[in-house]
Amino acid sequence: MNVANLQLEGLLMAIASINHILVRKGVLSAEEVDIALRRAEASEIGEERSDGMSPSSRDAVNFPIRLLELANQCQPEADIPSFSKLARMVGQMKEPYNDQM
């Protein structure tokens, strides 16, 4: 596996853990984190960004956001699932794009 992929995996899980702690401590609500992630995803799949981008490229751009969204859905008292479990869940929830190339 590419070392950069492993670094990104670690970074995503670190961000998921930080988000989880912020929610558990009451600094942010899970809903606020979810809104922020949905805004990030919306900006990435907007017309100016996705014009000419293949569906697989858009999936790649949105994968980290969707993984963090799923991690955010965990109850504050529960542990965050592993990266591989979250990645599998992202693949299962993926919706087709309207403008398939």
PDB file of N, CA and C in Angstrom:
ATOM      1  N   MET A   1       0.848  -1.180   0.000  1.00  0.00           N
ATOM      2  CA  MET A   1       0.000   0.000   0.000  1.00  0.00           C
ATOM      3  C   MET A   1       0.890   1.238   0.000  1.00  0.00           C
ATOM      4  N   ASN A   2       0.458   2.249  -0.690  1.00  0.00           N
ATOM      5  CA  ASN A   2       1.163   3.513  -0.773  1.00  0.00           C
ATOM      6  C   ASN A   2       1.242   4.160   0.611  1.00  0.00           C
ATOM      7  N   VAL A   3       2.404   4.645   0.991  1.00  0.00           N
ATOM      8  CA  VAL A   3       2.599   5.276   2.295  1.00  0.00           C
ATOM      9  C   VAL A   3       1.684   6.489   2.460  1.00  0.00           C
ATOM     10  N   ALA A   4       1.476   7.237   1.393  1.00  0.00           N
ATOM     11  CA  ALA A   4       0.586   8.407   1.474  1.00  0.00           C
ATOM     12  C   ALA A   4      -0.827   7.983   1.861  1.00  0.00           C
ATOM     13  N   ASN A   5      -1.272   6.839   1.363  1.00  0.00           N
ATOM     14  CA  ASN A   5      -2.601   6.348   1.730  1.00  0.00           C
ATOM     15  C   ASN A   5      -2.669   6.047   3.221  1.00  0.00           C
ATOM     16  N   LEU A   6      -1.620   5.460   3.754  1.00  0.00           N
ATOM     17  CA  LEU A   6      -1.584   5.159   5.184  1.00  0.00           C
ATOM     18  C   LEU A   6      -1.578   6.442   6.007  1.00  0.00           C
ATOM     19  N   GLN A   7      -0.861   7.447   5.522  1.00  0.00           N
ATOM     20  CA  GLN A   7      -0.836   8.731   6.225  1.00  0.00           C
ATOM     21  C   GLN A   7      -2.218   9.365   6.232  1.00  0.00           C
ATOM     22  N   LEU A   8      -2.919   9.307   5.094  1.00  0.00           N
ATOM     23  CA  LEU A   8      -4.271   9.858   5.025  1.00  0.00           C
ATOM     24  C   LEU A   8      -5.226   9.089   5.934  1.00  0.00           C
ATOM     25  N   GLU A   9      -5.054   7.776   5.979  1.00  0.00           N
ATOM     26  CA  GLU A   9      -5.881   6.953   6.865  1.00  0.00           C
ATOM     27  C   GLU A   9      -5.698   7.408   8.310  1.00  0.00           C
ATOM     28  N   GLY A  10      -4.462   7.597   8.727  1.00  0.00           N
ATOM     29  CA  GLY A  10      -4.188   8.055  10.082  1.00  0.00           C
ATOM     30  C   GLY A  10      -4.748   9.444  10.346  1.00  0.00           C
ATOM     31  N   LEU A  11      -4.601  10.329   9.388  1.00  0.00           N
ATOM     32  CA  LEU A  11      -5.125  11.689   9.537  1.00  0.00           C
ATOM     33  C   LEU A  11      -6.642  11.684   9.678  1.00  0.00           C
ATOM     34  N   LEU A  12      -7.319  10.911   8.844  1.00  0.00           N
ATOM     35  CA  LEU A  12      -8.785  10.844   8.920  1.00  0.00           C
ATOM     36  C   LEU A  12      -9.246  10.311  10.273  1.00  0.00           C
ATOM     37  N   MET A  13      -8.582   9.279  10.760  1.00  0.00           N
ATOM     38  CA  MET A  13      -8.983   8.723  12.050  1.00  0.00           C
ATOM     39  C   MET A  13      -8.673   9.697  13.185  1.00  0.00           C
ATOM     40  N   ALA A  14      -7.609  10.476  13.053  1.00  0.00           N
ATOM     41  CA  ALA A  14      -7.301  11.495  14.062  1.00  0.00           C
ATOM     42  C   ALA A  14      -8.380  12.574  14.070  1.00  0.00           C
ATOM     43  N   ILE A  15      -8.793  13.025  12.900  1.00  0.00           N
ATOM     44  CA  ILE A  15      -9.849  14.039  12.815  1.00  0.00           C
ATOM     45  C   ILE A  15     -11.155  13.487  13.366  1.00  0.00           C
ATOM     46  N   ALA A  16     -11.472  12.238  13.030  1.00  0.00           N
ATOM     47  CA  ALA A  16     -12.694  11.610  13.547  1.00  0.00           C
ATOM     48  C   ALA A  16     -12.655  11.564  15.073  1.00  0.00           C
ATOM     49  N   SER A  17     -11.503  11.241  15.634  1.00  0.00           N
ATOM     50  CA  SER A  17     -11.358  11.170  17.082  1.00  0.00           C
ATOM     51  C   SER A  17     -11.507  12.550  17.723  1.00  0.00           C
ATOM     52  N   ILE A  18     -10.922  13.557  17.119  1.00  0.00           N
ATOM     53  CA  ILE A  18     -11.043  14.928  17.639  1.00  0.00           C
ATOM     54  C   ILE A  18     -12.503  15.379  17.587  1.00  0.00           C
ATOM     55  N   ASN A  19     -13.177  15.121  16.468  1.00  0.00           N
ATOM     56  CA  ASN A  19     -14.604  15.476  16.364  1.00  0.00           C
ATOM     57  C   ASN A  19     -15.404  14.776  17.456  1.00  0.00           C
ATOM     58  N   HIS A  20     -15.105  13.508  17.670  1.00  0.00           N
ATOM     59  CA  HIS A  20     -15.803  12.703  18.670  1.00  0.00           C
ATOM     60  C   HIS A  20     -15.630  13.312  20.069  1.00  0.00           C
ATOM     61  N   ILE A  21     -14.414  13.728  20.387  1.00  0.00           N
ATOM     62  CA  ILE A  21     -14.148  14.332  21.691  1.00  0.00           C
ATOM     63  C   ILE A  21     -14.853  15.678  21.825  1.00  0.00           C
ATOM     64  N   LEU A  22     -14.841  16.481  20.766  1.00  0.00           N
ATOM     65  CA  LEU A  22     -15.527  17.775  20.805  1.00  0.00           C
ATOM     66  C   LEU A  22     -17.016  17.600  21.083  1.00  0.00           C
ATOM     67  N   VAL A  23     -17.617  16.588  20.484  1.00  0.00           N
ATOM     68  CA  VAL A  23     -19.038  16.320  20.721  1.00  0.00           C
ATOM     69  C   VAL A  23     -19.247  15.808  22.145  1.00  0.00           C
ATOM     70  N   ARG A  24     -18.416  14.871  22.577  1.00  0.00           N
ATOM     71  CA  ARG A  24     -18.558  14.290  23.912  1.00  0.00           C
ATOM     72  C   ARG A  24     -18.403  15.354  25.000  1.00  0.00           C
ATOM     73  N   LYS A  25     -17.518  16.329  24.780  1.00  0.00           N
ATOM     74  CA  LYS A  25     -17.304  17.387  25.779  1.00  0.00           C
ATOM     75  C   LYS A  25     -18.322  18.525  25.652  1.00  0.00           C
ATOM     76  N   GLY A  26     -19.164  18.470  24.633  1.00  0.00           N
ATOM     77  CA  GLY A  26     -20.199  19.485  24.475  1.00  0.00           C
ATOM     78  C   GLY A  26     -19.725  20.765  23.805  1.00  0.00           C
ATOM     79  N   VAL A  27     -18.525  20.752  23.243  1.00  0.00           N
ATOM     80  CA  VAL A  27     -18.010  21.930  22.543  1.00  0.00           C
ATOM     81  C   VAL A  27     -18.821  22.150  21.255  1.00  0.00           C
ATOM     82  N   LEU A  28     -19.092  21.069  20.572  1.00  0.00           N
ATOM     83  CA  LEU A  28     -19.937  21.079  19.373  1.00  0.00           C
ATOM     84  C   LEU A  28     -20.965  19.972  19.518  1.00  0.00           C
ATOM     85  N   SER A  29     -22.086  20.131  18.846  1.00  0.00           N
ATOM     86  CA  SER A  29     -23.051  19.026  18.809  1.00  0.00           C
ATOM     87  C   SER A  29     -22.735  18.163  17.589  1.00  0.00           C
ATOM     88  N   ALA A  30     -23.198  16.938  17.613  1.00  0.00           N
ATOM     89  CA  ALA A  30     -23.015  16.055  16.455  1.00  0.00           C
ATOM     90  C   ALA A  30     -23.675  16.678  15.236  1.00  0.00           C
ATOM     91  N   GLU A  31     -24.774  17.373  15.436  1.00  0.00           N
ATOM     92  CA  GLU A  31     -25.463  18.033  14.329  1.00  0.00           C
ATOM     93  C   GLU A  31     -24.604  19.145  13.721  1.00  0.00           C
ATOM     94  N   GLU A  32     -23.912  19.913  14.551  1.00  0.00           N
ATOM     95  CA  GLU A  32     -23.040  20.972  14.042  1.00  0.00           C
ATOM     96  C   GLU A  32     -21.886  20.401  13.228  1.00  0.00           C
ATOM     97  N   VAL A  33     -21.304  19.313  13.693  1.00  0.00           N
ATOM     98  CA  VAL A  33     -20.233  18.662  12.942  1.00  0.00           C
ATOM     99  C   VAL A  33     -20.785  18.147  11.627  1.00  0.00           C
ATOM    100  N   ASP A  34     -21.962  17.532  11.672  1.00  0.00           N
ATOM    101  CA  ASP A  34     -22.595  17.007  10.464  1.00  0.00           C
ATOM    102  C   ASP A  34     -22.869  18.115   9.450  1.00  0.00           C
ATOM    103  N   ILE A  35     -23.372  19.248   9.909  1.00  0.00           N
ATOM    104  CA  ILE A  35     -23.641  20.382   9.016  1.00  0.00           C
ATOM    105  C   ILE A  35     -22.352  20.855   8.357  1.00  0.00           C
ATOM    106  N   ALA A  36     -21.284  20.964   9.136  1.00  0.00           N
ATOM    107  CA  ALA A  36     -19.995  21.396   8.577  1.00  0.00           C
ATOM    108  C   ALA A  36     -19.502  20.424   7.518  1.00  0.00           C
ATOM    109  N   LEU A  37     -19.630  19.133   7.777  1.00  0.00           N
ATOM    110  CA  LEU A  37     -19.184  18.127   6.813  1.00  0.00           C
ATOM    111  C   LEU A  37     -20.055  18.128   5.565  1.00  0.00           C
ATOM    112  N   ARG A  38     -21.352  18.304   5.732  1.00  0.00           N
ATOM    113  CA  ARG A  38     -22.252  18.370   4.568  1.00  0.00           C
ATOM    114  C   ARG A  38     -21.941  19.600   3.706  1.00  0.00           C
ATOM    115  N   ARG A  39     -21.608  20.700   4.344  1.00  0.00           N
ATOM    116  CA  ARG A  39     -21.221  21.899   3.592  1.00  0.00           C
ATOM    117  C   ARG A  39     -19.936  21.648   2.811  1.00  0.00           C
ATOM    118  N   ALA A  40     -18.997  20.987   3.445  1.00  0.00           N
ATOM    119  CA  ALA A  40     -17.738  20.658   2.758  1.00  0.00           C
ATOM    120  C   ALA A  40     -18.011  19.760   1.560  1.00  0.00           C
ATOM    121  N   GLU A  41     -18.859  18.776   1.733  1.00  0.00           N
ATOM    122  CA  GLU A  41     -19.188  17.873   0.629  1.00  0.00           C
ATOM    123  C   GLU A  41     -19.915  18.612  -0.480  1.00  0.00           C
ATOM    124  N   ALA A  42     -20.844  19.469  -0.117  1.00  0.00           N
ATOM    125  CA  ALA A  42     -21.591  20.234  -1.123  1.00  0.00           C
ATOM    126  C   ALA A  42     -20.666  21.129  -1.931  1.00  0.00           C
ATOM    127  N   SER A  43     -19.673  21.713  -1.283  1.00  0.00           N
ATOM    128  CA  SER A  43     -18.756  22.592  -2.022  1.00  0.00           C
ATOM    129  C   SER A  43     -17.871  21.780  -2.956  1.00  0.00           C
ATOM    130  N   GLU A  44     -17.572  20.548  -2.590  1.00  0.00           N
ATOM    131  CA  GLU A  44     -16.723  19.696  -3.429  1.00  0.00           C
ATOM    132  C   GLU A  44     -17.466  19.106  -4.617  1.00  0.00           C
ATOM    133  N   ILE A  45     -18.776  18.924  -4.501  1.00  0.00           N
ATOM    134  CA  ILE A  45     -19.525  18.354  -5.626  1.00  0.00           C
ATOM    135  C   ILE A  45     -20.270  19.429  -6.400  1.00  0.00           C
ATOM    136  N   GLY A  46     -20.001  20.682  -6.076  1.00  0.00           N
ATOM    137  CA  GLY A  46     -20.607  21.792  -6.803  1.00  0.00           C
ATOM    138  C   GLY A  46     -20.182  21.784  -8.264  1.00  0.00           C
ATOM    139  N   GLU A  47     -20.937  22.468  -9.070  1.00  0.00           N
ATOM    140  CA  GLU A  47     -20.712  22.461 -10.519  1.00  0.00           C
ATOM    141  C   GLU A  47     -19.302  22.883 -10.924  1.00  0.00           C
ATOM    142  N   GLU A  48     -18.779  23.959 -10.329  1.00  0.00           N
ATOM    143  CA  GLU A  48     -17.470  24.452 -10.757  1.00  0.00           C
ATOM    144  C   GLU A  48     -16.359  23.461 -10.438  1.00  0.00           C
ATOM    145  N   ARG A  49     -16.484  22.743  -9.386  1.00  0.00           N
ATOM    146  CA  ARG A  49     -15.450  21.783  -8.995  1.00  0.00           C
ATOM    147  C   ARG A  49     -15.567  20.480  -9.787  1.00  0.00           C
ATOM    148  N   SER A  50     -16.790  20.029 -10.017  1.00  0.00           N
ATOM    149  CA  SER A  50     -16.969  18.699 -10.592  1.00  0.00           C
ATOM    150  C   SER A  50     -17.095  18.686 -12.108  1.00  0.00           C
ATOM    151  N   ASP A  51     -17.152  19.848 -12.750  1.00  0.00           N
ATOM    152  CA  ASP A  51     -17.214  19.865 -14.216  1.00  0.00           C
ATOM    153  C   ASP A  51     -15.994  19.160 -14.786  1.00  0.00           C
ATOM    154  N   GLY A  52     -16.244  18.193 -15.633  1.00  0.00           N
ATOM    155  CA  GLY A  52     -15.157  17.468 -16.265  1.00  0.00           C
ATOM    156  C   GLY A  52     -14.513  16.421 -15.380  1.00  0.00           C
ATOM    157  N   MET A  53     -14.983  16.281 -14.163  1.00  0.00           N
ATOM    158  CA  MET A  53     -14.407  15.301 -13.245  1.00  0.00           C
ATOM    159  C   MET A  53     -15.204  13.998 -13.362  1.00  0.00           C
ATOM    160  N   SER A  54     -14.526  12.900 -13.467  1.00  0.00           N
ATOM    161  CA  SER A  54     -15.208  11.609 -13.572  1.00  0.00           C
ATOM    162  C   SER A  54     -15.890  11.272 -12.248  1.00  0.00           C
ATOM    163  N   PRO A  55     -16.913  10.429 -12.299  1.00  0.00           N
ATOM    164  CA  PRO A  55     -17.569  10.019 -11.060  1.00  0.00           C
ATOM    165  C   PRO A  55     -16.590   9.385 -10.059  1.00  0.00           C
ATOM    166  N   SER A  56     -15.630   8.610 -10.546  1.00  0.00           N
ATOM    167  CA  SER A  56     -14.678   7.992  -9.619  1.00  0.00           C
ATOM    168  C   SER A  56     -13.774   9.050  -8.970  1.00  0.00           C
ATOM    169  N   SER A  57     -13.452  10.112  -9.705  1.00  0.00           N
ATOM    170  CA  SER A  57     -12.653  11.200  -9.113  1.00  0.00           C
ATOM    171  C   SER A  57     -13.462  11.937  -8.059  1.00  0.00           C
ATOM    172  N   ARG A  58     -14.746  12.171  -8.340  1.00  0.00           N
ATOM    173  CA  ARG A  58     -15.609  12.826  -7.343  1.00  0.00           C
ATOM    174  C   ARG A  58     -15.747  11.953  -6.098  1.00  0.00           C
ATOM    175  N   ASP A  59     -15.855  10.633  -6.308  1.00  0.00           N
ATOM    176  CA  ASP A  59     -15.911   9.725  -5.161  1.00  0.00           C
ATOM    177  C   ASP A  59     -14.643   9.836  -4.329  1.00  0.00           C
ATOM    178  N   ALA A  60     -13.507   9.930  -5.004  1.00  0.00           N
ATOM    179  CA  ALA A  60     -12.227  10.032  -4.299  1.00  0.00           C
ATOM    180  C   ALA A  60     -12.145  11.315  -3.482  1.00  0.00           C
ATOM    181  N   VAL A  61     -12.620  12.417  -4.045  1.00  0.00           N
ATOM    182  CA  VAL A  61     -12.600  13.699  -3.344  1.00  0.00           C
ATOM    183  C   VAL A  61     -13.523  13.656  -2.130  1.00  0.00           C
ATOM    184  N   ASN A  62     -14.675  13.027  -2.283  1.00  0.00           N
ATOM    185  CA  ASN A  62     -15.675  13.019  -1.218  1.00  0.00           C
ATOM    186  C   ASN A  62     -15.500  11.899  -0.200  1.00  0.00           C
ATOM    187  N   PHE A  63     -14.655  10.922  -0.493  1.00  0.00           N
ATOM    188  CA  PHE A  63     -14.468   9.801   0.425  1.00  0.00           C
ATOM    189  C   PHE A  63     -14.125  10.247   1.853  1.00  0.00           C
ATOM    190  N   PRO A  64     -13.129  11.125   2.051  1.00  0.00           N
ATOM    191  CA  PRO A  64     -12.778  11.492   3.431  1.00  0.00           C
ATOM    192  C   PRO A  64     -13.917  12.196   4.161  1.00  0.00           C
ATOM    193  N   ILE A  65     -14.669  13.026   3.438  1.00  0.00           N
ATOM    194  CA  ILE A  65     -15.792  13.736   4.063  1.00  0.00           C
ATOM    195  C   ILE A  65     -16.855  12.734   4.488  1.00  0.00           C
ATOM    196  N   ARG A  66     -17.159  11.801   3.612  1.00  0.00           N
ATOM    197  CA  ARG A  66     -18.189  10.797   3.921  1.00  0.00           C
ATOM    198  C   ARG A  66     -17.746   9.888   5.063  1.00  0.00           C
ATOM    199  N   LEU A  67     -16.473   9.556   5.113  1.00  0.00           N
ATOM    200  CA  LEU A  67     -15.971   8.740   6.213  1.00  0.00           C
ATOM    201  C   LEU A  67     -16.140   9.480   7.536  1.00  0.00           C
ATOM    202  N   LEU A  68     -15.814  10.759   7.549  1.00  0.00           N
ATOM    203  CA  LEU A  68     -15.967  11.556   8.769  1.00  0.00           C
ATOM    204  C   LEU A  68     -17.442  11.716   9.143  1.00  0.00           C
ATOM    205  N   GLU A  69     -18.319  11.824   8.151  1.00  0.00           N
ATOM    206  CA  GLU A  69     -19.759  11.886   8.429  1.00  0.00           C
ATOM    207  C   GLU A  69     -20.224  10.623   9.137  1.00  0.00           C
ATOM    208  N   LEU A  70     -19.782   9.469   8.646  1.00  0.00           N
ATOM    209  CA  LEU A  70     -20.163   8.203   9.278  1.00  0.00           C
ATOM    210  C   LEU A  70     -19.597   8.091  10.684  1.00  0.00           C
ATOM    211  N   ALA A  71     -18.347   8.482  10.860  1.00  0.00           N
ATOM    212  CA  ALA A  71     -17.740   8.444  12.197  1.00  0.00           C
ATOM    213  C   ALA A  71     -18.500   9.357  13.148  1.00  0.00           C
ATOM    214  N   ASN A  72     -18.999  10.468  12.645  1.00  0.00           N
ATOM    215  CA  ASN A  72     -19.748  11.425  13.457  1.00  0.00           C
ATOM    216  C   ASN A  72     -21.082  10.862  13.916  1.00  0.00           C
ATOM    217  N   GLN A  73     -21.600   9.894  13.195  1.00  0.00           N
ATOM    218  CA  GLN A  73     -22.895   9.315  13.550  1.00  0.00           C
ATOM    219  C   GLN A  73     -22.808   8.363  14.744  1.00  0.00           C
ATOM    220  N   CYS A  74     -21.606   8.050  15.195  1.00  0.00           N
ATOM    221  CA  CYS A  74     -21.438   7.194  16.370  1.00  0.00           C
ATOM    222  C   CYS A  74     -21.890   7.945  17.612  1.00  0.00           C
ATOM    223  N   GLN A  75     -22.447   7.228  18.537  1.00  0.00           N
ATOM    224  CA  GLN A  75     -22.836   7.839  19.803  1.00  0.00           C
ATOM    225  C   GLN A  75     -21.583   8.312  20.532  1.00  0.00           C
ATOM    226  N   PRO A  76     -21.643   9.456  21.211  1.00  0.00           N
ATOM    227  CA  PRO A  76     -20.451   9.966  21.900  1.00  0.00           C
ATOM    228  C   PRO A  76     -19.838   8.978  22.891  1.00  0.00           C
ATOM    229  N   GLU A  77     -20.655   8.098  23.457  1.00  0.00           N
ATOM    230  CA  GLU A  77     -20.134   7.146  24.435  1.00  0.00           C
ATOM    231  C   GLU A  77     -19.486   5.935  23.767  1.00  0.00           C
ATOM    232  N   ALA A  78     -19.771   5.712  22.495  1.00  0.00           N
ATOM    233  CA  ALA A  78     -19.272   4.529  21.784  1.00  0.00           C
ATOM    234  C   ALA A  78     -17.917   4.807  21.154  1.00  0.00           C
ATOM    235  N   ASP A  79     -17.209   3.735  20.867  1.00  0.00           N
ATOM    236  CA  ASP A  79     -15.937   3.855  20.156  1.00  0.00           C
ATOM    237  C   ASP A  79     -16.197   4.081  18.675  1.00  0.00           C
ATOM    238  N   ILE A  80     -15.277   4.750  18.020  1.00  0.00           N
ATOM    239  CA  ILE A  80     -15.363   4.954  16.578  1.00  0.00           C
ATOM    240  C   ILE A  80     -14.972   3.639  15.902  1.00  0.00           C
ATOM    241  N   PRO A  81     -15.737   3.202  14.891  1.00  0.00           N
ATOM    242  CA  PRO A  81     -15.348   1.981  14.167  1.00  0.00           C
ATOM    243  C   PRO A  81     -13.966   2.144  13.527  1.00  0.00           C
ATOM    244  N   SER A  82     -13.368   1.038  13.145  1.00  0.00           N
ATOM    245  CA  SER A  82     -12.059   1.071  12.504  1.00  0.00           C
ATOM    246  C   SER A  82     -12.152   1.737  11.133  1.00  0.00           C
ATOM    247  N   PHE A  83     -11.003   2.140  10.617  1.00  0.00           N
ATOM    248  CA  PHE A  83     -10.959   2.756   9.296  1.00  0.00           C
ATOM    249  C   PHE A  83     -11.541   1.821   8.249  1.00  0.00           C
ATOM    250  N   SER A  84     -11.161   0.548   8.287  1.00  0.00           N
ATOM    251  CA  SER A  84     -11.643  -0.382   7.257  1.00  0.00           C
ATOM    252  C   SER A  84     -13.152  -0.550   7.321  1.00  0.00           C
ATOM    253  N   LYS A  85     -13.719  -0.570   8.505  1.00  0.00           N
ATOM    254  CA  LYS A  85     -15.183  -0.682   8.624  1.00  0.00           C
ATOM    255  C   LYS A  85     -15.858   0.585   8.100  1.00  0.00           C
ATOM    256  N   LEU A  86     -15.329   1.752   8.457  1.00  0.00           N
ATOM    257  CA  LEU A  86     -15.895   3.005   7.964  1.00  0.00           C
ATOM    258  C   LEU A  86     -15.779   3.093   6.440  1.00  0.00           C
ATOM    259  N   ALA A  87     -14.630   2.681   5.895  1.00  0.00           N
ATOM    260  CA  ALA A  87     -14.431   2.723   4.446  1.00  0.00           C
ATOM    261  C   ALA A  87     -15.437   1.822   3.733  1.00  0.00           C
ATOM    262  N   ARG A  88     -15.674   0.652   4.291  1.00  0.00           N
ATOM    263  CA  ARG A  88     -16.664  -0.266   3.720  1.00  0.00           C
ATOM    264  C   ARG A  88     -18.053   0.376   3.743  1.00  0.00           C
ATOM    265  N   MET A  89     -18.382   1.047   4.831  1.00  0.00           N
ATOM    266  CA  MET A  89     -19.685   1.705   4.958  1.00  0.00           C
ATOM    267  C   MET A  89     -19.828   2.838   3.943  1.00  0.00           C
ATOM    268  N   VAL A  90     -18.746   3.570   3.689  1.00  0.00           N
ATOM    269  CA  VAL A  90     -18.781   4.631   2.677  1.00  0.00           C
ATOM    270  C   VAL A  90     -19.135   4.029   1.323  1.00  0.00           C
ATOM    271  N   GLY A  91     -18.507   2.928   0.991  1.00  0.00           N
ATOM    272  CA  GLY A  91     -18.792   2.267  -0.284  1.00  0.00           C
ATOM    273  C   GLY A  91     -20.228   1.804  -0.391  1.00  0.00           C
ATOM    274  N   GLN A  92     -20.792   1.355   0.711  1.00  0.00           N
ATOM    275  CA  GLN A  92     -22.171   0.870   0.708  1.00  0.00           C
ATOM    276  C   GLN A  92     -23.184   2.000   0.610  1.00  0.00           C
ATOM    277  N   MET A  93     -22.848   3.185   1.103  1.00  0.00           N
ATOM    278  CA  MET A  93     -23.803   4.300   1.097  1.00  0.00           C
ATOM    279  C   MET A  93     -23.699   5.180  -0.140  1.00  0.00           C
ATOM    280  N   LYS A  94     -22.689   4.921  -0.968  1.00  0.00           N
ATOM    281  CA  LYS A  94     -22.446   5.767  -2.134  1.00  0.00           C
ATOM    282  C   LYS A  94     -23.654   5.774  -3.053  1.00  0.00           C
ATOM    283  N   GLU A  95     -24.069   6.976  -3.441  1.00  0.00           N
ATOM    284  CA  GLU A  95     -25.176   7.134  -4.376  1.00  0.00           C
ATOM    285  C   GLU A  95     -24.631   7.486  -5.748  1.00  0.00           C
ATOM    286  N   PRO A  96     -25.306   7.018  -6.800  1.00  0.00           N
ATOM    287  CA  PRO A  96     -24.835   7.359  -8.153  1.00  0.00           C
ATOM    288  C   PRO A  96     -24.998   8.850  -8.439  1.00  0.00           C
ATOM    289  N   TYR A  97     -24.135   9.364  -9.288  1.00  0.00           N
ATOM    290  CA  TYR A  97     -24.244  10.758  -9.702  1.00  0.00           C
ATOM    291  C   TYR A  97     -25.268  10.864 -10.819  1.00  0.00           C
ATOM    292  N   ASN A  98     -25.918  12.010 -10.906  1.00  0.00           N
ATOM    293  CA  ASN A  98     -26.938  12.230 -11.926  1.00  0.00           C
ATOM    294  C   ASN A  98     -26.359  12.287 -13.336  1.00  0.00           C
ATOM    295  N   ASP A  99     -25.136  12.712 -13.446  1.00  0.00           N
ATOM    296  CA  ASP A  99     -24.536  12.925 -14.771  1.00  0.00           C
ATOM    297  C   ASP A  99     -23.414  11.922 -15.040  1.00  0.00           C
ATOM    298  N   GLN A 100     -23.712  10.637 -14.882  1.00  0.00           N
ATOM    299  CA  GLN A 100     -22.689   9.602 -15.120  1.00  0.00           C
ATOM    300  C   GLN A 100     -22.060   9.789 -16.477  1.00  0.00           C
ATOM    301  N   MET A 101     -20.727   9.676 -16.557  1.00  0.00           N
ATOM    302  CA  MET A 101     -20.004   9.877 -17.807  1.00  0.00           C
ATOM    303  C   MET A 101     -19.927   8.569 -18.565  1.00  0.00           C
TER     304      MET A 101
END
